[in-house]
Amino acid sequence: RQMCIRDQSIFFSADTYLEPEKTKQFVEKGLMTEKRYKFLSNRKWDYDCILHEAGIPPIHTPISVLRTFSEEVKQKLYLVHVAEKDIPKDSGLKSAQTGFENSLRLDVETSPALLFAQKLNLLSSIPLLENLPITNTRDLLYVCLLYTSDAADDLLCVDLGGRRIIKKKTCMYHEDV
């Protein structure tokens, strides 16, 4: 199973047995399709993060097979369903650690369009601005880009990544009729 987030990709093997000689026997016995065999044996491993279930065959790939992977692949590879004690120290393999503090993180570039959408979402959450016409919203965002202030400003404002929108205690909004 593969998931892509912008320019980053994650692959999760989900009970995948990778041992080309043995899986070829599964095809010969009719236990696996030729298409599945080719999919498994021709894997390029060009993902940014790989979560692979390791352990007891024929459901999981044996560690002896995974340790033959290139060093480049092992850098991105995290093993699941295997105890740390069962991973040979000199194999270059590592287990996926549990717990929030061990969360794997992919640094994904944020597109300018997404940042713009987030700013619009923030603006729409301000009751005073929730019915602001799009042309006025454009003007307001333009002003936000031009006006900056330092951290010493009072907290009577809305902050968009270091840019202040509303700076006074009172504000008037006028819409031409």
N, C-alpha and C. Protein backbone atom coordinates (compact mmCIF):
# COMPACT_ATOMS: atom_id res chain seq x y z
N ARG A 1 0.84 -1.16 0.00
CA ARG A 1 0.00 0.00 0.00
C ARG A 1 0.89 1.23 0.00
N GLN A 2 0.57 2.16 -0.85
CA GLN A 2 1.38 3.37 -0.99
C GLN A 2 0.52 4.60 -0.77
N MET A 3 1.12 5.60 -0.12
CA MET A 3 0.44 6.86 0.07
C MET A 3 1.42 7.97 -0.28
N CYS A 4 0.95 8.94 -1.03
CA CYS A 4 1.79 10.08 -1.40
C CYS A 4 1.18 11.35 -0.82
N ILE A 5 2.05 12.18 -0.28
CA ILE A 5 1.66 13.49 0.23
C ILE A 5 2.59 14.48 -0.45
N ARG A 6 2.05 15.18 -1.41
CA ARG A 6 2.83 16.10 -2.23
C ARG A 6 4.07 15.41 -2.78
N ASP A 7 5.26 15.79 -2.33
CA ASP A 7 6.48 15.23 -2.89
C ASP A 7 7.06 14.09 -2.06
N GLN A 8 6.33 13.57 -1.08
CA GLN A 8 6.81 12.50 -0.21
C GLN A 8 5.91 11.28 -0.35
N SER A 9 6.50 10.09 -0.12
CA SER A 9 5.71 8.86 -0.25
C SER A 9 6.02 7.90 0.89
N ILE A 10 5.00 7.15 1.28
CA ILE A 10 5.10 6.14 2.32
C ILE A 10 4.60 4.82 1.73
N PHE A 11 5.31 3.74 2.01
CA PHE A 11 4.87 2.42 1.59
C PHE A 11 4.72 1.55 2.82
N PHE A 12 3.58 0.86 2.94
CA PHE A 12 3.35 -0.08 4.02
C PHE A 12 3.09 -1.43 3.41
N SER A 13 3.87 -2.44 3.78
CA SER A 13 3.81 -3.74 3.12
C SER A 13 2.57 -4.56 3.46
N ALA A 14 2.02 -4.41 4.64
CA ALA A 14 0.78 -5.10 5.03
C ALA A 14 0.81 -6.60 4.74
N ASP A 15 1.44 -7.35 5.59
CA ASP A 15 1.53 -8.82 5.47
C ASP A 15 2.07 -9.26 4.11
N THR A 16 3.20 -8.74 3.75
CA THR A 16 3.82 -9.08 2.48
C THR A 16 5.03 -9.98 2.72
N TYR A 17 5.04 -11.08 2.01
CA TYR A 17 6.14 -12.04 2.10
C TYR A 17 7.02 -11.85 0.87
N LEU A 18 8.24 -11.38 1.12
CA LEU A 18 9.19 -11.17 0.02
C LEU A 18 10.35 -12.14 0.14
N GLU A 19 10.32 -13.15 -0.64
CA GLU A 19 11.43 -14.08 -0.76
C GLU A 19 11.28 -14.70 -2.15
N PRO A 20 11.90 -14.08 -3.15
CA PRO A 20 11.65 -14.43 -4.55
C PRO A 20 11.63 -15.92 -4.88
N GLU A 21 12.57 -16.69 -4.38
CA GLU A 21 12.60 -18.13 -4.70
C GLU A 21 11.38 -18.86 -4.14
N LYS A 22 11.03 -18.53 -2.92
CA LYS A 22 9.88 -19.18 -2.27
C LYS A 22 8.56 -18.72 -2.88
N THR A 23 8.44 -17.42 -3.17
CA THR A 23 7.18 -16.95 -3.74
C THR A 23 6.98 -17.48 -5.16
N LYS A 24 8.05 -17.76 -5.87
CA LYS A 24 7.92 -18.37 -7.21
C LYS A 24 7.29 -19.76 -7.07
N GLN A 25 7.64 -20.47 -6.00
CA GLN A 25 7.03 -21.77 -5.74
C GLN A 25 5.54 -21.63 -5.47
N PHE A 26 5.14 -20.53 -4.82
CA PHE A 26 3.72 -20.29 -4.57
C PHE A 26 2.97 -20.13 -5.89
N VAL A 27 3.60 -19.48 -6.86
CA VAL A 27 2.98 -19.31 -8.18
C VAL A 27 2.82 -20.68 -8.83
N GLU A 28 3.87 -21.48 -8.78
CA GLU A 28 3.85 -22.81 -9.40
C GLU A 28 2.77 -23.71 -8.79
N LYS A 29 2.51 -23.51 -7.50
CA LYS A 29 1.49 -24.31 -6.80
C LYS A 29 0.10 -23.70 -6.91
N GLY A 30 -0.02 -22.54 -7.56
CA GLY A 30 -1.30 -21.88 -7.72
C GLY A 30 -1.75 -21.11 -6.49
N LEU A 31 -0.84 -20.85 -5.56
CA LEU A 31 -1.17 -20.13 -4.33
C LEU A 31 -1.03 -18.62 -4.48
N MET A 32 -0.38 -18.18 -5.57
CA MET A 32 -0.16 -16.77 -5.83
C MET A 32 -0.22 -16.55 -7.33
N THR A 33 -0.78 -15.43 -7.74
CA THR A 33 -0.84 -15.14 -9.17
C THR A 33 0.52 -14.65 -9.68
N GLU A 34 0.74 -14.84 -10.95
CA GLU A 34 1.98 -14.36 -11.58
C GLU A 34 2.08 -12.84 -11.47
N LYS A 35 0.94 -12.18 -11.61
CA LYS A 35 0.90 -10.72 -11.50
C LYS A 35 1.38 -10.27 -10.12
N ARG A 36 0.90 -10.92 -9.05
CA ARG A 36 1.31 -10.58 -7.68
C ARG A 36 2.80 -10.87 -7.49
N TYR A 37 3.26 -11.98 -8.03
CA TYR A 37 4.68 -12.34 -7.93
C TYR A 37 5.56 -11.27 -8.58
N LYS A 38 5.18 -10.83 -9.77
CA LYS A 38 5.96 -9.79 -10.46
C LYS A 38 5.93 -8.48 -9.69
N PHE A 39 4.78 -8.16 -9.14
CA PHE A 39 4.65 -6.94 -8.34
C PHE A 39 5.62 -6.98 -7.15
N LEU A 40 5.68 -8.11 -6.47
CA LEU A 40 6.54 -8.24 -5.29
C LEU A 40 8.02 -8.32 -5.65
N SER A 41 8.35 -9.05 -6.68
CA SER A 41 9.77 -9.26 -7.00
C SER A 41 10.39 -8.09 -7.76
N ASN A 42 9.59 -7.23 -8.35
CA ASN A 42 10.12 -6.08 -9.09
C ASN A 42 9.99 -4.77 -8.33
N ARG A 43 9.82 -4.83 -7.03
CA ARG A 43 9.65 -3.64 -6.19
C ARG A 43 10.91 -2.78 -6.28
N LYS A 44 10.74 -1.47 -6.53
CA LYS A 44 11.87 -0.55 -6.65
C LYS A 44 12.26 0.09 -5.33
N TRP A 45 11.38 0.15 -4.37
CA TRP A 45 11.64 0.73 -3.05
C TRP A 45 12.08 2.18 -3.13
N ASP A 46 11.53 2.92 -4.05
CA ASP A 46 11.89 4.34 -4.20
C ASP A 46 10.93 5.25 -3.43
N TYR A 47 10.64 4.86 -2.20
CA TYR A 47 9.75 5.61 -1.32
C TYR A 47 10.58 6.39 -0.31
N ASP A 48 9.99 7.39 0.31
CA ASP A 48 10.69 8.18 1.33
C ASP A 48 10.66 7.50 2.69
N CYS A 49 9.64 6.69 2.93
CA CYS A 49 9.51 5.96 4.19
C CYS A 49 8.87 4.61 3.87
N ILE A 50 9.46 3.54 4.41
CA ILE A 50 8.96 2.20 4.15
C ILE A 50 8.69 1.51 5.49
N LEU A 51 7.45 1.12 5.71
CA LEU A 51 7.07 0.34 6.89
C LEU A 51 6.84 -1.08 6.39
N HIS A 52 7.67 -2.00 6.87
CA HIS A 52 7.58 -3.36 6.35
C HIS A 52 7.40 -4.35 7.49
N GLU A 53 6.42 -5.22 7.33
CA GLU A 53 6.17 -6.24 8.34
C GLU A 53 7.21 -7.36 8.16
N ALA A 54 7.93 -7.61 9.23
CA ALA A 54 8.99 -8.62 9.20
C ALA A 54 8.68 -9.70 10.22
N GLY A 55 9.25 -10.85 10.00
CA GLY A 55 9.06 -11.92 10.98
C GLY A 55 8.89 -13.27 10.35
N ILE A 56 7.87 -13.98 10.79
CA ILE A 56 7.69 -15.38 10.44
C ILE A 56 7.04 -15.53 9.07
N PRO A 57 7.69 -16.26 8.15
CA PRO A 57 7.10 -16.55 6.84
C PRO A 57 5.95 -17.55 7.00
N PRO A 58 5.05 -17.65 6.12
CA PRO A 58 4.95 -16.97 4.82
C PRO A 58 4.10 -15.71 4.85
N ILE A 59 3.79 -15.19 6.03
CA ILE A 59 3.01 -13.96 6.07
C ILE A 59 3.93 -12.74 6.05
N HIS A 60 5.03 -12.83 6.79
CA HIS A 60 5.97 -11.72 6.86
C HIS A 60 7.31 -12.10 6.24
N THR A 61 8.04 -11.09 5.82
CA THR A 61 9.35 -11.31 5.21
C THR A 61 10.39 -11.59 6.29
N PRO A 62 11.18 -12.63 6.10
CA PRO A 62 12.22 -12.93 7.10
C PRO A 62 13.29 -11.83 7.12
N ILE A 63 13.86 -11.60 8.30
CA ILE A 63 14.91 -10.60 8.44
C ILE A 63 16.10 -10.95 7.56
N SER A 64 16.35 -12.23 7.34
CA SER A 64 17.47 -12.64 6.49
C SER A 64 17.34 -12.08 5.07
N VAL A 65 16.13 -11.92 4.59
CA VAL A 65 15.89 -11.34 3.27
C VAL A 65 16.04 -9.82 3.33
N LEU A 66 15.47 -9.21 4.35
CA LEU A 66 15.51 -7.74 4.48
C LEU A 66 16.92 -7.21 4.66
N ARG A 67 17.79 -7.99 5.29
CA ARG A 67 19.16 -7.51 5.49
C ARG A 67 19.96 -7.50 4.19
N THR A 68 19.43 -8.10 3.11
CA THR A 68 20.11 -8.05 1.81
C THR A 68 19.76 -6.79 1.02
N PHE A 69 18.82 -6.00 1.53
CA PHE A 69 18.44 -4.75 0.86
C PHE A 69 19.64 -3.79 0.87
N SER A 70 19.65 -2.88 -0.08
CA SER A 70 20.73 -1.88 -0.15
C SER A 70 20.71 -0.98 1.08
N GLU A 71 21.84 -0.39 1.38
CA GLU A 71 21.94 0.53 2.53
C GLU A 71 20.99 1.71 2.35
N GLU A 72 20.84 2.16 1.11
CA GLU A 72 19.93 3.28 0.82
C GLU A 72 18.50 2.93 1.22
N VAL A 73 18.06 1.73 0.90
CA VAL A 73 16.71 1.29 1.26
C VAL A 73 16.60 1.11 2.77
N LYS A 74 17.60 0.53 3.39
CA LYS A 74 17.57 0.30 4.85
C LYS A 74 17.46 1.61 5.63
N GLN A 75 18.01 2.69 5.09
CA GLN A 75 17.90 3.99 5.77
C GLN A 75 16.45 4.44 5.89
N LYS A 76 15.61 4.04 4.94
CA LYS A 76 14.20 4.46 4.91
C LYS A 76 13.26 3.40 5.45
N LEU A 77 13.80 2.24 5.80
CA LEU A 77 13.02 1.07 6.17
C LEU A 77 12.84 0.95 7.68
N TYR A 78 11.58 0.77 8.11
CA TYR A 78 11.25 0.55 9.52
C TYR A 78 10.47 -0.75 9.60
N LEU A 79 10.93 -1.66 10.45
CA LEU A 79 10.31 -2.98 10.56
C LEU A 79 9.20 -2.98 11.59
N VAL A 80 8.12 -3.69 11.24
CA VAL A 80 6.94 -3.81 12.09
C VAL A 80 6.76 -5.29 12.42
N HIS A 81 6.19 -5.60 13.56
CA HIS A 81 5.91 -6.98 14.02
C HIS A 81 7.17 -7.77 14.31
N VAL A 82 8.21 -7.09 14.73
CA VAL A 82 9.42 -7.80 15.09
C VAL A 82 10.04 -7.10 16.30
N ALA A 83 10.49 -7.89 17.26
CA ALA A 83 11.10 -7.32 18.46
C ALA A 83 12.50 -6.81 18.14
N GLU A 84 12.87 -5.73 18.80
CA GLU A 84 14.19 -5.13 18.62
C GLU A 84 15.30 -6.17 18.85
N LYS A 85 15.09 -7.05 19.81
CA LYS A 85 16.09 -8.07 20.14
C LYS A 85 16.30 -9.08 18.99
N ASP A 86 15.33 -9.18 18.10
CA ASP A 86 15.42 -10.13 16.99
C ASP A 86 16.07 -9.54 15.74
N ILE A 87 16.42 -8.28 15.80
CA ILE A 87 17.06 -7.62 14.66
C ILE A 87 18.57 -7.64 14.91
N PRO A 88 19.34 -8.31 14.07
CA PRO A 88 20.80 -8.35 14.27
C PRO A 88 21.39 -6.94 14.28
N LYS A 89 22.28 -6.70 15.22
CA LYS A 89 22.87 -5.37 15.39
C LYS A 89 23.63 -4.90 14.15
N ASP A 90 24.25 -5.79 13.43
CA ASP A 90 25.06 -5.42 12.27
C ASP A 90 24.28 -5.44 10.95
N SER A 91 22.95 -5.56 11.03
CA SER A 91 22.15 -5.73 9.81
C SER A 91 21.79 -4.42 9.11
N GLY A 92 21.89 -3.29 9.83
CA GLY A 92 21.47 -2.01 9.26
C GLY A 92 19.96 -1.83 9.30
N LEU A 93 19.25 -2.78 9.94
CA LEU A 93 17.79 -2.71 10.04
C LEU A 93 17.38 -2.11 11.37
N LYS A 94 16.19 -1.56 11.41
CA LYS A 94 15.67 -0.96 12.65
C LYS A 94 14.16 -1.20 12.72
N SER A 95 13.67 -1.22 13.95
CA SER A 95 12.23 -1.42 14.11
C SER A 95 11.53 -0.07 14.19
N ALA A 96 10.25 -0.07 13.83
CA ALA A 96 9.41 1.11 13.99
C ALA A 96 9.04 1.16 15.46
N GLN A 97 9.48 2.19 16.15
CA GLN A 97 9.23 2.33 17.58
C GLN A 97 7.79 2.78 17.83
N THR A 98 7.25 2.35 18.95
CA THR A 98 5.88 2.73 19.30
C THR A 98 5.89 4.01 20.14
N GLY A 99 4.75 4.62 20.26
CA GLY A 99 4.60 5.81 21.08
C GLY A 99 4.65 7.09 20.27
N PHE A 100 3.92 8.07 20.76
CA PHE A 100 3.83 9.36 20.08
C PHE A 100 5.19 10.00 19.88
N GLU A 101 6.07 9.87 20.88
CA GLU A 101 7.38 10.49 20.81
C GLU A 101 8.25 9.88 19.71
N ASN A 102 7.88 8.73 19.19
CA ASN A 102 8.63 8.08 18.12
C ASN A 102 7.94 8.18 16.76
N SER A 103 7.00 9.09 16.65
CA SER A 103 6.28 9.26 15.38
C SER A 103 7.26 9.56 14.26
N LEU A 104 7.02 8.93 13.13
CA LEU A 104 7.83 9.19 11.95
C LEU A 104 7.28 10.44 11.28
N ARG A 105 8.18 11.27 10.82
CA ARG A 105 7.76 12.54 10.23
C ARG A 105 8.38 12.70 8.85
N LEU A 106 7.54 13.01 7.88
CA LEU A 106 8.01 13.34 6.54
C LEU A 106 7.86 14.84 6.37
N ASP A 107 8.94 15.49 6.02
CA ASP A 107 8.87 16.93 5.78
C ASP A 107 8.31 17.17 4.39
N VAL A 108 7.13 17.73 4.36
CA VAL A 108 6.41 17.97 3.11
C VAL A 108 6.41 19.47 2.84
N GLU A 109 6.77 19.83 1.63
CA GLU A 109 6.74 21.24 1.26
C GLU A 109 5.29 21.71 1.18
N THR A 110 5.03 22.84 1.79
CA THR A 110 3.69 23.41 1.77
C THR A 110 3.57 24.32 0.57
N SER A 111 2.56 24.10 -0.21
CA SER A 111 2.37 24.90 -1.42
C SER A 111 1.85 26.29 -1.06
N PRO A 112 2.20 27.29 -1.85
CA PRO A 112 1.67 28.64 -1.61
C PRO A 112 0.14 28.66 -1.63
N ALA A 113 -0.46 27.83 -2.47
CA ALA A 113 -1.93 27.79 -2.55
C ALA A 113 -2.52 27.30 -1.23
N LEU A 114 -1.88 26.30 -0.60
CA LEU A 114 -2.38 25.80 0.67
C LEU A 114 -2.23 26.86 1.76
N LEU A 115 -1.11 27.55 1.79
CA LEU A 115 -0.92 28.62 2.77
C LEU A 115 -1.97 29.71 2.58
N PHE A 116 -2.25 30.05 1.35
CA PHE A 116 -3.28 31.05 1.05
C PHE A 116 -4.64 30.57 1.54
N ALA A 117 -4.97 29.30 1.28
CA ALA A 117 -6.25 28.75 1.73
C ALA A 117 -6.35 28.75 3.25
N GLN A 118 -5.24 28.47 3.93
CA GLN A 118 -5.24 28.50 5.40
C GLN A 118 -5.50 29.92 5.91
N LYS A 119 -4.92 30.91 5.25
CA LYS A 119 -5.15 32.30 5.65
C LYS A 119 -6.60 32.71 5.42
N LEU A 120 -7.15 32.27 4.29
CA LEU A 120 -8.56 32.57 4.03
C LEU A 120 -9.46 31.90 5.06
N ASN A 121 -9.12 30.68 5.45
CA ASN A 121 -9.89 29.97 6.46
C ASN A 121 -9.84 30.71 7.79
N LEU A 122 -8.66 31.21 8.15
CA LEU A 122 -8.53 31.98 9.38
C LEU A 122 -9.37 33.25 9.31
N LEU A 123 -9.30 33.95 8.19
CA LEU A 123 -10.09 35.16 8.04
C LEU A 123 -11.58 34.87 8.16
N SER A 124 -12.02 33.78 7.56
CA SER A 124 -13.46 33.47 7.58
C SER A 124 -13.93 33.07 8.98
N SER A 125 -13.00 32.72 9.87
CA SER A 125 -13.39 32.35 11.23
C SER A 125 -13.59 33.57 12.13
N ILE A 126 -13.23 34.75 11.64
CA ILE A 126 -13.43 35.98 12.40
C ILE A 126 -14.83 36.50 12.09
N PRO A 127 -15.72 36.57 13.10
CA PRO A 127 -17.11 36.96 12.84
C PRO A 127 -17.24 38.25 12.03
N LEU A 128 -16.41 39.21 12.29
CA LEU A 128 -16.47 40.48 11.58
C LEU A 128 -16.22 40.30 10.08
N LEU A 129 -15.46 39.29 9.72
CA LEU A 129 -15.05 39.12 8.32
C LEU A 129 -15.73 37.95 7.60
N GLU A 130 -16.59 37.22 8.29
CA GLU A 130 -17.13 36.01 7.70
C GLU A 130 -17.96 36.24 6.43
N ASN A 131 -18.55 37.42 6.26
CA ASN A 131 -19.34 37.69 5.05
C ASN A 131 -18.65 38.69 4.13
N LEU A 132 -17.36 38.82 4.28
CA LEU A 132 -16.59 39.76 3.47
C LEU A 132 -16.56 39.29 2.01
N PRO A 133 -16.94 40.14 1.06
CA PRO A 133 -16.90 39.75 -0.35
C PRO A 133 -15.47 39.41 -0.78
N ILE A 134 -15.33 38.54 -1.75
CA ILE A 134 -14.02 38.07 -2.18
C ILE A 134 -13.11 39.21 -2.64
N THR A 135 -13.65 40.22 -3.27
CA THR A 135 -12.79 41.34 -3.71
C THR A 135 -12.21 42.07 -2.51
N ASN A 136 -13.01 42.24 -1.45
CA ASN A 136 -12.50 42.88 -0.25
C ASN A 136 -11.51 41.97 0.50
N THR A 137 -11.74 40.68 0.43
CA THR A 137 -10.82 39.73 1.06
C THR A 137 -9.45 39.82 0.40
N ARG A 138 -9.45 39.93 -0.92
CA ARG A 138 -8.19 40.08 -1.65
C ARG A 138 -7.45 41.33 -1.18
N ASP A 139 -8.17 42.44 -1.06
CA ASP A 139 -7.55 43.68 -0.60
C ASP A 139 -7.01 43.54 0.82
N LEU A 140 -7.77 42.88 1.68
CA LEU A 140 -7.35 42.69 3.06
C LEU A 140 -6.07 41.84 3.12
N LEU A 141 -6.01 40.78 2.33
CA LEU A 141 -4.81 39.95 2.31
C LEU A 141 -3.62 40.73 1.78
N TYR A 142 -3.84 41.58 0.83
CA TYR A 142 -2.75 42.40 0.30
C TYR A 142 -2.20 43.33 1.38
N VAL A 143 -3.10 43.92 2.15
CA VAL A 143 -2.68 44.79 3.26
C VAL A 143 -1.89 43.98 4.28
N CYS A 144 -2.33 42.75 4.54
CA CYS A 144 -1.63 41.88 5.50
C CYS A 144 -0.20 41.63 5.06
N LEU A 145 0.01 41.48 3.79
CA LEU A 145 1.35 41.23 3.28
C LEU A 145 2.23 42.47 3.39
N LEU A 146 1.64 43.64 3.36
CA LEU A 146 2.41 44.87 3.42
C LEU A 146 2.74 45.31 4.84
N TYR A 147 1.84 45.00 5.78
CA TYR A 147 1.98 45.52 7.13
C TYR A 147 2.52 44.46 8.08
N THR A 148 3.63 44.70 8.69
CA THR A 148 4.17 43.78 9.70
C THR A 148 4.42 44.55 10.98
N SER A 149 4.50 43.83 12.06
CA SER A 149 4.80 44.46 13.33
C SER A 149 5.63 43.50 14.16
N ASP A 150 6.25 44.02 15.21
CA ASP A 150 7.10 43.15 16.02
C ASP A 150 6.32 42.52 17.17
N ALA A 151 7.01 41.65 17.91
CA ALA A 151 6.35 40.90 18.98
C ALA A 151 5.96 41.78 20.16
N ALA A 152 6.44 43.02 20.19
CA ALA A 152 6.12 43.90 21.31
C ALA A 152 4.72 44.50 21.19
N ASP A 153 4.06 44.31 20.05
CA ASP A 153 2.70 44.83 19.88
C ASP A 153 1.77 44.22 20.91
N ASP A 154 0.69 44.92 21.15
CA ASP A 154 -0.29 44.38 22.09
C ASP A 154 -0.96 43.15 21.49
N LEU A 155 -1.68 42.43 22.30
CA LEU A 155 -2.31 41.19 21.85
C LEU A 155 -3.74 41.42 21.37
N LEU A 156 -4.09 42.64 21.05
CA LEU A 156 -5.44 42.95 20.58
C LEU A 156 -5.49 42.92 19.06
N CYS A 157 -4.98 41.82 18.51
CA CYS A 157 -4.92 41.71 17.06
C CYS A 157 -4.95 40.24 16.67
N VAL A 158 -5.09 40.00 15.41
CA VAL A 158 -5.07 38.65 14.87
C VAL A 158 -3.75 38.49 14.14
N ASP A 159 -3.06 37.40 14.38
CA ASP A 159 -1.74 37.18 13.82
C ASP A 159 -1.80 36.14 12.71
N LEU A 160 -1.29 36.46 11.56
CA LEU A 160 -1.17 35.50 10.46
C LEU A 160 0.31 35.30 10.19
N GLY A 161 0.95 34.43 10.91
CA GLY A 161 2.35 34.16 10.67
C GLY A 161 3.23 35.39 10.80
N GLY A 162 3.03 36.20 11.81
CA GLY A 162 3.85 37.38 12.03
C GLY A 162 3.26 38.64 11.45
N ARG A 163 2.14 38.55 10.76
CA ARG A 163 1.51 39.72 10.16
C ARG A 163 0.23 40.03 10.91
N ARG A 164 0.04 41.28 11.27
CA ARG A 164 -1.12 41.69 12.05
C ARG A 164 -2.24 42.14 11.13
N ILE A 165 -3.46 41.73 11.45
CA ILE A 165 -4.61 42.15 10.64
C ILE A 165 -5.37 43.26 11.34
N ILE A 166 -5.88 43.01 12.54
CA ILE A 166 -6.68 43.99 13.25
C ILE A 166 -5.85 44.46 14.43
N LYS A 167 -5.56 45.73 14.49
CA LYS A 167 -4.63 46.24 15.48
C LYS A 167 -5.30 47.09 16.55
N LYS A 168 -6.52 47.51 16.35
CA LYS A 168 -7.17 48.40 17.31
C LYS A 168 -8.28 47.66 18.04
N LYS A 169 -8.65 48.22 19.18
CA LYS A 169 -9.73 47.61 19.96
C LYS A 169 -11.06 47.71 19.24
N THR A 170 -11.23 48.75 18.48
CA THR A 170 -12.47 48.91 17.73
C THR A 170 -12.13 48.93 16.25
N CYS A 171 -13.03 48.42 15.48
CA CYS A 171 -12.80 48.35 14.05
C CYS A 171 -14.14 48.54 13.35
N MET A 172 -14.12 49.29 12.28
CA MET A 172 -15.36 49.48 11.54
C MET A 172 -15.21 48.89 10.16
N TYR A 173 -16.24 48.22 9.76
CA TYR A 173 -16.27 47.65 8.43
C TYR A 173 -17.39 48.34 7.66
N HIS A 174 -17.05 48.86 6.52
CA HIS A 174 -18.04 49.59 5.73
C HIS A 174 -18.17 48.88 4.38
N GLU A 175 -19.40 48.58 4.01
CA GLU A 175 -19.67 47.94 2.72
C GLU A 175 -20.52 48.90 1.91
N ASP A 176 -20.04 49.20 0.70
CA ASP A 176 -20.82 50.07 -0.18
C ASP A 176 -22.08 49.36 -0.62
N VAL A 177 -23.17 50.09 -0.63
CA VAL A 177 -24.47 49.52 -1.04
C VAL A 177 -24.74 49.85 -2.48
